[in-house]
Every structure is written in structure tokens, then in C-alpha cells.
Amino acid sequence: MKTIFRLLLQILFRFRAYDMDALKTPGPVTFTSASGKLAVARAAGLLNIRLLRDNHDGTATYAIDLAH
């Protein structure tokens, strides 16, 4: 099954050239996640995340700067 899957991927992506470039955003990207998890993100090496506000419903709004 893995061989068939790999062959299918080779056929599908044979003529496509992908070039990854750095993501550029005009400012920080905000997202909502579980509250109290900033320390977990920092421990995982995501030092460019900051807490914007605690929503007092078990969630918090965070911002990540993708330029760094």
C-alpha cells in the first residue's frame, strides 16, 4: 500500500515545482486557543508568541509574529 501511495504522489507532483518562501504578514497573526498555555508554547521553542487577552471563558487570544 505504501508503494502505491508513493507512486501516486510521484505521478501527481511530477511536473510541479514547489519553492517555499518565508511567510510575510503585515503584522502579528492573532488566534484563539486554550488559556494558560503561553508557557507551554515558550517551552516548545515558540518565543514569538504573546498573550493579548484572557477571554475568561477558558480561552485566550494570542499573537504570533511570523516575521521572526
C-alpha atoms as a PDB file:
ATOM      1  CA  MET A   1       0.000   0.000   0.000  1.00  0.00           C
ATOM      2  CA  LYS A   2       2.858   2.404   0.822  1.00  0.00           C
ATOM      3  CA  THR A   3       4.428   1.726  -2.564  1.00  0.00           C
ATOM      4  CA  ILE A   4       1.191   2.543  -4.360  1.00  0.00           C
ATOM      5  CA  PHE A   5       0.812   5.713  -2.337  1.00  0.00           C
ATOM      6  CA  ARG A   6       4.375   6.833  -3.103  1.00  0.00           C
ATOM      7  CA  LEU A   7       3.904   6.085  -6.788  1.00  0.00           C
ATOM      8  CA  LEU A   8       0.687   8.084  -6.814  1.00  0.00           C
ATOM      9  CA  LEU A   9       2.441  11.028  -5.159  1.00  0.00           C
ATOM     10  CA  GLN A  10       5.240  10.893  -7.702  1.00  0.00           C
ATOM     11  CA  ILE A  11       2.755  10.929 -10.560  1.00  0.00           C
ATOM     12  CA  LEU A  12       0.674  13.763  -9.105  1.00  0.00           C
ATOM     13  CA  PHE A  13       3.594  16.021  -8.231  1.00  0.00           C
ATOM     14  CA  ARG A  14       5.956  15.124 -11.052  1.00  0.00           C
ATOM     15  CA  PHE A  15       5.564  18.350 -13.011  1.00  0.00           C
ATOM     16  CA  ARG A  16       5.021  20.742 -10.133  1.00  0.00           C
ATOM     17  CA  ALA A  17       7.935  22.685  -8.775  1.00  0.00           C
ATOM     18  CA  TYR A  18       7.438  23.928  -5.265  1.00  0.00           C
ATOM     19  CA  ASP A  19       9.521  26.674  -3.791  1.00  0.00           C
ATOM     20  CA  MET A  20       8.937  27.520  -0.165  1.00  0.00           C
ATOM     21  CA  ASP A  21       9.334  31.149   0.779  1.00  0.00           C
ATOM     22  CA  ALA A  22       9.122  32.871   4.116  1.00  0.00           C
ATOM     23  CA  LEU A  23       5.610  33.874   5.070  1.00  0.00           C
ATOM     24  CA  LYS A  24       5.215  37.625   5.121  1.00  0.00           C
ATOM     25  CA  THR A  25       2.383  39.235   7.036  1.00  0.00           C
ATOM     26  CA  PRO A  26       1.830  42.939   7.648  1.00  0.00           C
ATOM     27  CA  GLY A  27       1.699  42.360  11.394  1.00  0.00           C
ATOM     28  CA  PRO A  28       1.203  39.742  14.067  1.00  0.00           C
ATOM     29  CA  VAL A  29      -1.319  36.985  13.410  1.00  0.00           C
ATOM     30  CA  THR A  30      -3.879  36.588  16.185  1.00  0.00           C
ATOM     31  CA  PHE A  31      -5.546  33.343  17.172  1.00  0.00           C
ATOM     32  CA  THR A  32      -7.653  31.948  19.988  1.00  0.00           C
ATOM     33  CA  SER A  33      -6.628  28.881  21.943  1.00  0.00           C
ATOM     34  CA  ALA A  34      -6.838  27.432  25.438  1.00  0.00           C
ATOM     35  CA  SER A  35      -5.925  29.908  28.153  1.00  0.00           C
ATOM     36  CA  GLY A  36      -2.824  29.452  30.271  1.00  0.00           C
ATOM     37  CA  LYS A  37      -0.764  27.793  27.532  1.00  0.00           C
ATOM     38  CA  LEU A  38       1.784  30.530  26.864  1.00  0.00           C
ATOM     39  CA  ALA A  39       4.385  28.744  29.000  1.00  0.00           C
ATOM     40  CA  VAL A  40       3.816  25.543  27.009  1.00  0.00           C
ATOM     41  CA  ALA A  41       4.410  27.394  23.743  1.00  0.00           C
ATOM     42  CA  ARG A  42       7.561  29.022  25.102  1.00  0.00           C
ATOM     43  CA  ALA A  43       8.847  25.662  26.374  1.00  0.00           C
ATOM     44  CA  ALA A  44       8.305  24.269  22.862  1.00  0.00           C
ATOM     45  CA  GLY A  45      10.551  26.990  21.475  1.00  0.00           C
ATOM     46  CA  LEU A  46       7.857  29.350  20.177  1.00  0.00           C
ATOM     47  CA  LEU A  47       9.298  32.526  21.630  1.00  0.00           C
ATOM     48  CA  ASN A  48       7.465  34.872  19.260  1.00  0.00           C
ATOM     49  CA  ILE A  49       4.025  34.248  20.794  1.00  0.00           C
ATOM     50  CA  ARG A  50       2.492  36.688  23.246  1.00  0.00           C
ATOM     51  CA  LEU A  51      -0.738  36.790  25.201  1.00  0.00           C
ATOM     52  CA  LEU A  52      -3.112  39.547  24.121  1.00  0.00           C
ATOM     53  CA  ARG A  53      -6.015  38.868  26.473  1.00  0.00           C
ATOM     54  CA  ASP A  54      -7.661  36.208  28.577  1.00  0.00           C
ATOM     55  CA  ASN A  55     -11.268  35.829  27.464  1.00  0.00           C
ATOM     56  CA  HIS A  56     -12.381  34.429  30.871  1.00  0.00           C
ATOM     57  CA  ASP A  57     -14.189  31.529  29.209  1.00  0.00           C
ATOM     58  CA  GLY A  58     -11.313  29.056  29.121  1.00  0.00           C
ATOM     59  CA  THR A  59      -9.809  30.617  26.016  1.00  0.00           C
ATOM     60  CA  ALA A  60      -7.272  33.342  25.401  1.00  0.00           C
ATOM     61  CA  THR A  61      -6.259  35.419  22.412  1.00  0.00           C
ATOM     62  CA  TYR A  62      -2.626  35.168  21.413  1.00  0.00           C
ATOM     63  CA  ALA A  63      -0.497  36.858  18.767  1.00  0.00           C
ATOM     64  CA  ILE A  64       2.395  35.332  16.865  1.00  0.00           C
ATOM     65  CA  ASP A  65       4.876  37.363  14.862  1.00  0.00           C
ATOM     66  CA  LEU A  66       5.722  35.240  11.816  1.00  0.00           C
ATOM     67  CA  ALA A  67       8.431  37.644  10.684  1.00  0.00           C
ATOM     68  CA  HIS A  68      10.771  36.374  13.410  1.00  0.00           C
END
